[in-house]
Amino acid sequence: MPPALPLTEIERLPADPELRAAIRGWRVALAQERRMADNTVEAYSRDLRQFLIHLERRGGTPSIAGLVALKPRDIRGFMAARRADEVGGRSLMRMLAGLRSFARHLEREGHGVVAALGAVRSPKVERRLPRPLPVAAAKALTDPELRAGEDREPWILARDAAVLALLYGAGLRISEALGIRREDAPLPGIDAVTVLGKGGKQRMVPVLPVVAEAVAGYVAACPHPLPAEGPLFVGARGGPLSARVIQYVVARARGALGLPQSATPHALRHSFATHLLARQGELRAIQELLGHASLSTTQLYTRVDAARLMSAFEAAHPRAGRMPVPRPRAEA
């Protein structure tokens, strides 16, 4: 169930009562039937609200009938207005995806077809390349000794080290690592962990012994009860651990190591894939490990590796400096 919009926010939606009810139903469907993450539900909801505000400014209170009667020029006008507000292509593409999702919901509920959304093309966006860390930097970021001098309880340091070990050593998303239950903890003797990825899809990921040892060290040191059905990783008071805590940990560590802002928890997942590929890892296998639905997403890492190889080539090849070629001297 998605987080409920505050009552004041629901009342402020520029929509008639029937449309508001449809929006509530759509949000529930996204979370319960589509099993979308809360953040995605909220992002789609914000985008729909922006669209309704745009329509209200141009013709009164939006309604379901009004949406069904929209023309392609109305959608293009909204996109042009958002571009004028310096909204990028990626955000526009997400906005269209959210609006189309709501339109499909209206159609399923028997309200009619919002044909205008199908007549507008999504903006073409160059896919952003992943930004992995060098091997040495990834190792340093996940080294438990990095924070040995901090005034923190030892079990918290062990917990953070175990989470980071899973991000880099198993290529997990931070939500996947924090979603592991205690009964599924990858401890020594267990060579794989089952995680719940995007879209509620489960996959099994191999676990390195060093990662299992880090998890075991945390479990042994944790002072809070860890029920089998509860989360493996808990916060300082025993509740589920927030992703923000790990993001803060990485931010402090990258400051200590002099790493760029791109050194985030998700960069460790990128590093996992890129370093595997550099060691001749098979692309299909990496796709399975990462839980990518499409091979094209995994193929982005081949471009990263190609860029790395070209950089090494340009640094090492005698002709890479583009020195002027000396001409032979003319004979006297």
Protein backbone atom coordinates (compact mmCIF):
# COMPACT_ATOMS: atom_id res chain seq x y z
CA MET A 1 0.00 0.00 0.00
CA PRO A 2 1.54 3.37 -0.97
CA PRO A 3 1.89 6.05 1.69
CA ALA A 4 -1.42 7.91 1.85
CA LEU A 5 -1.37 11.47 0.60
CA PRO A 6 -2.17 13.89 3.43
CA LEU A 7 -5.82 14.94 3.37
CA THR A 8 -4.86 18.52 2.54
CA GLU A 9 -2.91 17.30 -0.48
CA ILE A 10 -5.86 15.26 -1.75
CA GLU A 11 -8.13 18.28 -1.37
CA ARG A 12 -5.66 20.45 -3.25
CA LEU A 13 -5.57 18.17 -6.28
CA PRO A 14 -7.02 20.15 -9.21
CA ALA A 15 -9.62 17.51 -10.08
CA ASP A 16 -13.28 16.79 -9.64
CA PRO A 17 -14.37 14.15 -7.06
CA GLU A 18 -14.61 11.33 -9.62
CA LEU A 19 -11.08 11.99 -10.87
CA ARG A 20 -9.73 12.16 -7.32
CA ALA A 21 -11.26 8.78 -6.55
CA ALA A 22 -9.67 7.34 -9.70
CA ILE A 23 -6.28 8.70 -8.63
CA ARG A 24 -6.60 7.00 -5.23
CA GLY A 25 -7.46 3.71 -6.92
CA TRP A 26 -4.56 4.07 -9.32
CA ARG A 27 -2.06 4.61 -6.51
CA VAL A 28 -3.28 1.48 -4.74
CA ALA A 29 -3.08 -0.50 -7.98
CA LEU A 30 0.51 0.63 -8.60
CA ALA A 31 1.63 -0.56 -5.19
CA GLN A 32 -0.46 -3.70 -4.75
CA GLU A 33 -0.85 -5.04 -8.29
CA ARG A 34 2.21 -3.64 -10.03
CA ARG A 35 4.26 -3.81 -6.80
CA MET A 36 6.03 -0.57 -7.59
CA ALA A 37 8.33 1.01 -5.05
CA ASP A 38 6.86 3.77 -2.87
CA ASN A 39 9.25 6.31 -4.40
CA THR A 40 8.00 5.45 -7.91
CA VAL A 41 4.37 5.77 -6.84
CA GLU A 42 5.10 9.17 -5.32
CA ALA A 43 7.02 10.35 -8.40
CA TYR A 44 4.19 9.30 -10.73
CA SER A 45 1.67 11.02 -8.45
CA ARG A 46 3.65 14.27 -8.47
CA ASP A 47 3.91 14.18 -12.26
CA LEU A 48 0.15 13.64 -12.61
CA ARG A 49 -0.50 16.55 -10.22
CA GLN A 50 1.74 18.83 -12.34
CA PHE A 51 -0.22 17.79 -15.42
CA LEU A 52 -3.55 18.50 -13.76
CA ILE A 53 -2.33 21.92 -12.64
CA HIS A 54 -1.31 22.64 -16.24
CA LEU A 55 -4.77 21.63 -17.50
CA GLU A 56 -6.55 23.65 -14.81
CA ARG A 57 -4.73 26.80 -15.84
CA ARG A 58 -5.99 26.32 -19.38
CA GLY A 59 -9.59 25.32 -18.94
CA GLY A 60 -11.07 24.80 -15.52
CA THR A 61 -11.23 21.80 -13.19
CA PRO A 62 -9.87 18.62 -14.84
CA SER A 63 -12.21 15.64 -15.08
CA ILE A 64 -12.06 12.12 -16.45
CA ALA A 65 -14.15 13.15 -19.45
CA GLY A 66 -11.77 16.05 -20.05
CA LEU A 67 -8.77 13.71 -20.03
CA VAL A 68 -10.42 11.34 -22.50
CA ALA A 69 -11.12 14.30 -24.82
CA LEU A 70 -7.53 15.58 -24.81
CA LYS A 71 -5.73 16.17 -28.11
CA PRO A 72 -2.04 15.43 -28.80
CA ARG A 73 -1.38 19.18 -28.87
CA ASP A 74 -2.47 19.37 -25.22
CA ILE A 75 0.17 16.82 -24.22
CA ARG A 76 2.82 18.54 -26.32
CA GLY A 77 1.88 21.86 -24.73
CA PHE A 78 2.46 20.38 -21.27
CA MET A 79 5.84 18.98 -22.30
CA ALA A 80 6.86 22.31 -23.82
CA ALA A 81 5.89 24.09 -20.61
CA ARG A 82 7.94 21.68 -18.53
CA ARG A 83 10.93 22.11 -20.85
CA ALA A 84 10.57 25.88 -20.38
CA ASP A 85 10.89 25.21 -16.64
CA GLU A 86 14.22 23.47 -17.42
CA VAL A 87 12.90 19.96 -16.84
CA GLY A 88 15.27 17.50 -18.52
CA GLY A 89 14.51 14.79 -21.03
CA ARG A 90 14.74 11.99 -18.49
CA SER A 91 12.19 13.62 -16.23
CA LEU A 92 9.88 14.25 -19.18
CA MET A 93 10.14 10.62 -20.17
CA ARG A 94 9.19 9.57 -16.63
CA MET A 95 6.29 12.03 -16.64
CA LEU A 96 4.88 10.53 -19.81
CA ALA A 97 5.30 7.05 -18.36
CA GLY A 98 3.33 8.08 -15.26
CA LEU A 99 0.56 9.75 -17.29
CA ARG A 100 0.26 6.71 -19.54
CA SER A 101 0.08 4.48 -16.49
CA PHE A 102 -2.85 6.51 -15.16
CA ALA A 103 -4.51 6.47 -18.59
CA ARG A 104 -4.28 2.67 -18.69
CA HIS A 105 -5.87 2.55 -15.25
CA LEU A 106 -8.78 4.69 -16.44
CA GLU A 107 -9.24 2.40 -19.43
CA ARG A 108 -9.21 -0.74 -17.27
CA GLU A 109 -11.82 0.84 -15.01
CA GLY A 110 -14.08 1.48 -18.00
CA HIS A 111 -13.70 5.26 -18.19
CA GLY A 112 -12.52 5.40 -21.79
CA VAL A 113 -9.25 5.75 -23.70
CA VAL A 114 -6.94 8.77 -23.41
CA ALA A 115 -5.84 8.43 -27.03
CA ALA A 116 -3.78 11.63 -27.01
CA LEU A 117 -1.09 10.04 -24.83
CA GLY A 118 -0.56 7.25 -27.34
CA ALA A 119 -0.10 9.74 -30.17
CA VAL A 120 2.82 11.56 -28.55
CA ARG A 121 6.33 10.18 -28.79
CA SER A 122 8.55 9.96 -25.75
CA PRO A 123 11.59 12.25 -25.88
CA LYS A 124 14.78 10.53 -26.96
CA VAL A 125 17.29 10.50 -24.12
CA GLU A 126 20.85 9.28 -24.27
CA ARG A 127 21.21 6.67 -21.57
CA ARG A 128 23.57 7.85 -18.88
CA LEU A 129 26.60 5.64 -18.45
CA PRO A 130 27.15 4.06 -15.02
CA ARG A 131 29.93 5.67 -12.99
CA PRO A 132 31.84 2.87 -11.28
CA LEU A 133 34.78 3.32 -8.94
CA PRO A 134 38.30 2.08 -9.61
CA VAL A 135 39.04 -1.27 -7.98
CA ALA A 136 41.29 0.27 -5.32
CA ALA A 137 38.67 2.89 -4.41
CA ALA A 138 35.86 0.31 -4.18
CA LYS A 139 37.98 -1.87 -1.91
CA ALA A 140 38.92 1.08 0.27
CA LEU A 141 35.30 2.19 0.56
CA THR A 142 34.24 -1.25 1.80
CA ASP A 143 37.24 -1.81 4.08
CA PRO A 144 36.00 -2.08 7.72
CA GLU A 145 39.28 -0.61 8.95
CA LEU A 146 38.45 2.71 7.29
CA ARG A 147 36.14 3.64 10.19
CA ALA A 148 38.03 1.94 13.00
CA GLY A 149 38.77 5.24 14.74
CA GLU A 150 35.18 6.51 14.76
CA ASP A 151 33.32 6.96 18.02
CA ARG A 152 30.59 4.48 17.09
CA GLU A 153 29.44 1.26 18.67
CA PRO A 154 31.35 -1.71 17.23
CA TRP A 155 28.15 -3.48 16.14
CA ILE A 156 27.09 -0.47 14.07
CA LEU A 157 30.45 -0.40 12.32
CA ALA A 158 30.08 -4.14 11.67
CA ARG A 159 26.55 -3.61 10.32
CA ASP A 160 27.62 -0.89 7.90
CA ALA A 161 30.57 -2.97 6.73
CA ALA A 162 28.26 -5.92 6.05
CA VAL A 163 25.83 -3.80 4.00
CA LEU A 164 28.65 -2.31 1.90
CA ALA A 165 30.13 -5.78 1.42
CA LEU A 166 26.82 -6.91 -0.09
CA LEU A 167 26.64 -3.89 -2.40
CA TYR A 168 30.11 -4.40 -3.86
CA GLY A 169 30.59 -8.13 -3.30
CA ALA A 170 27.15 -9.22 -4.58
CA GLY A 171 26.09 -6.25 -6.71
CA LEU A 172 22.90 -5.62 -4.77
CA ARG A 173 20.83 -2.48 -4.85
CA ILE A 174 20.71 -0.86 -1.42
CA SER A 175 16.97 -1.63 -1.18
CA GLU A 176 17.70 -5.30 -1.92
CA ALA A 177 20.38 -5.52 0.77
CA LEU A 178 18.17 -3.85 3.38
CA GLY A 179 15.24 -6.05 2.34
CA ILE A 180 16.98 -9.31 3.29
CA ARG A 181 15.26 -11.11 6.15
CA ARG A 182 17.16 -12.56 9.07
CA GLU A 183 16.24 -16.12 8.10
CA ASP A 184 17.81 -15.55 4.67
CA ALA A 185 21.06 -14.07 6.00
CA PRO A 186 24.04 -15.13 3.86
CA LEU A 187 26.23 -16.60 6.60
CA PRO A 188 29.38 -18.75 6.22
CA GLY A 189 28.47 -22.06 4.62
CA ILE A 190 25.69 -20.44 2.57
CA ASP A 191 26.86 -19.69 -0.95
CA ALA A 192 23.88 -17.64 -2.20
CA VAL A 193 21.24 -15.20 -1.02
CA THR A 194 17.74 -14.66 -2.37
CA VAL A 195 16.77 -11.01 -2.79
CA LEU A 196 13.64 -9.19 -3.88
CA GLY A 197 14.46 -6.89 -6.80
CA LYS A 198 12.53 -4.39 -8.89
CA GLY A 199 8.99 -5.33 -9.74
CA GLY A 200 8.88 -7.82 -6.89
CA LYS A 201 11.09 -10.26 -8.82
CA GLN A 202 13.19 -12.65 -6.78
CA ARG A 203 16.66 -13.73 -7.81
CA MET A 204 19.46 -15.74 -6.26
CA VAL A 205 22.89 -14.12 -6.02
CA PRO A 206 26.15 -15.91 -5.15
CA VAL A 207 27.84 -14.73 -1.95
CA LEU A 208 31.60 -14.58 -1.53
CA PRO A 209 33.07 -15.98 1.72
CA VAL A 210 34.38 -12.53 2.69
CA VAL A 211 30.85 -11.13 2.38
CA ALA A 212 29.37 -13.97 4.45
CA GLU A 213 31.99 -13.37 7.14
CA ALA A 214 31.11 -9.66 7.27
CA VAL A 215 27.42 -10.51 7.70
CA ALA A 216 28.23 -13.09 10.39
CA GLY A 217 30.33 -10.54 12.27
CA TYR A 218 27.40 -8.13 12.32
CA VAL A 219 24.85 -10.78 13.41
CA ALA A 220 27.11 -11.88 16.27
CA ALA A 221 27.64 -8.31 17.48
CA CYS A 222 24.10 -6.94 17.06
CA PRO A 223 22.56 -6.27 20.51
CA HIS A 224 18.98 -6.26 19.22
CA PRO A 225 16.83 -9.35 18.66
CA LEU A 226 16.69 -10.36 15.01
CA PRO A 227 13.50 -12.41 14.48
CA ALA A 228 13.61 -14.83 11.55
CA GLU A 229 10.84 -13.00 9.67
CA GLY A 230 12.24 -9.57 10.48
CA PRO A 231 14.87 -7.51 8.65
CA LEU A 232 18.48 -8.65 8.83
CA PHE A 233 19.79 -5.11 9.17
CA VAL A 234 18.42 -2.88 11.91
CA GLY A 235 18.99 0.67 13.05
CA ALA A 236 20.43 1.93 16.31
CA ARG A 237 17.08 1.39 18.10
CA GLY A 238 16.31 -1.98 16.57
CA GLY A 239 13.93 -0.87 13.81
CA PRO A 240 14.49 -1.44 10.08
CA LEU A 241 17.65 0.24 8.83
CA SER A 242 17.11 3.28 6.60
CA ALA A 243 18.94 3.61 3.29
CA ARG A 244 19.78 7.18 4.29
CA VAL A 245 22.05 5.87 7.04
CA ILE A 246 24.15 3.95 4.53
CA GLN A 247 24.19 6.90 2.15
CA TYR A 248 25.52 9.06 4.97
CA VAL A 249 28.15 6.45 5.85
CA VAL A 250 29.40 6.38 2.25
CA ALA A 251 29.37 10.18 2.03
CA ARG A 252 31.65 10.41 5.08
CA ALA A 253 33.92 7.66 3.80
CA ARG A 254 34.34 9.23 0.38
CA GLY A 255 35.28 12.49 2.08
CA ALA A 256 37.97 10.69 4.05
CA LEU A 257 39.25 8.98 0.91
CA GLY A 258 39.03 12.03 -1.34
CA LEU A 259 36.58 10.33 -3.72
CA PRO A 260 34.18 12.24 -6.01
CA GLN A 261 30.49 12.85 -5.33
CA SER A 262 29.70 9.97 -7.70
CA ALA A 263 31.02 7.54 -5.06
CA THR A 264 27.62 6.49 -3.72
CA PRO A 265 26.20 3.17 -2.47
CA HIS A 266 24.81 2.55 -5.97
CA ALA A 267 28.26 3.18 -7.46
CA LEU A 268 29.40 0.04 -5.62
CA ARG A 269 26.83 -1.96 -7.61
CA HIS A 270 28.13 -0.35 -10.81
CA SER A 271 31.66 -1.23 -9.71
CA PHE A 272 30.66 -4.85 -9.12
CA ALA A 273 29.41 -5.18 -12.72
CA THR A 274 32.23 -3.24 -14.35
CA HIS A 275 34.97 -5.10 -12.52
CA LEU A 276 33.40 -8.45 -13.38
CA LEU A 277 33.24 -7.47 -17.04
CA ALA A 278 36.88 -6.34 -16.96
CA ARG A 279 37.79 -9.83 -15.74
CA GLN A 280 36.04 -11.38 -18.75
CA GLY A 281 32.74 -11.94 -16.99
CA GLU A 282 30.00 -13.16 -19.37
CA LEU A 283 27.44 -10.45 -20.11
CA ARG A 284 24.39 -12.71 -19.75
CA ALA A 285 25.64 -13.94 -16.38
CA ILE A 286 26.17 -10.36 -15.19
CA GLN A 287 22.63 -9.54 -16.33
CA GLU A 288 21.29 -12.35 -14.15
CA LEU A 289 23.41 -11.29 -11.17
CA LEU A 290 22.20 -7.69 -11.40
CA GLY A 291 18.58 -8.65 -12.01
CA HIS A 292 18.27 -6.57 -15.18
CA ALA A 293 15.12 -7.30 -17.14
CA SER A 294 16.79 -6.28 -20.41
CA LEU A 295 20.25 -7.14 -21.67
CA SER A 296 20.48 -3.63 -23.17
CA THR A 297 20.71 -2.23 -19.63
CA THR A 298 23.64 -4.51 -18.81
CA GLN A 299 25.32 -3.65 -22.12
CA LEU A 300 25.90 -0.12 -20.83
CA TYR A 301 28.77 -1.60 -18.84
CA THR A 302 30.51 -2.67 -22.05
CA ARG A 303 30.62 1.00 -23.04
CA VAL A 304 32.12 1.87 -19.66
CA ASP A 305 34.76 -0.84 -20.09
CA ALA A 306 35.50 0.29 -23.65
CA ALA A 307 36.00 3.85 -22.41
CA ARG A 308 38.36 2.57 -19.72
CA LEU A 309 40.39 0.59 -22.26
CA MET A 310 40.60 3.58 -24.61
CA SER A 311 41.78 5.78 -21.75
CA ALA A 312 44.50 3.25 -20.89
CA PHE A 313 45.45 3.02 -24.57
CA GLU A 314 45.75 6.78 -24.94
CA ALA A 315 47.87 6.98 -21.80
CA ALA A 316 50.27 4.23 -22.86
CA HIS A 317 50.62 4.30 -26.64
CA PRO A 318 53.64 6.24 -27.98
CA ARG A 319 51.48 7.97 -30.59
CA ALA A 320 48.64 8.80 -28.20
CA GLY A 321 50.09 12.20 -27.37
CA ARG A 322 49.52 13.27 -30.95
CA MET A 323 53.04 14.58 -31.26
CA PRO A 324 53.79 16.12 -34.64
CA VAL A 325 55.48 13.65 -36.94
CA PRO A 326 58.93 14.92 -37.94
CA ARG A 327 59.35 15.25 -41.68
CA PRO A 328 62.43 13.80 -43.36
CA ARG A 329 65.01 16.44 -44.14
CA ALA A 330 65.53 17.17 -47.79
CA GLU A 331 68.89 16.06 -49.21
CA ALA A 332 71.25 18.84 -50.10
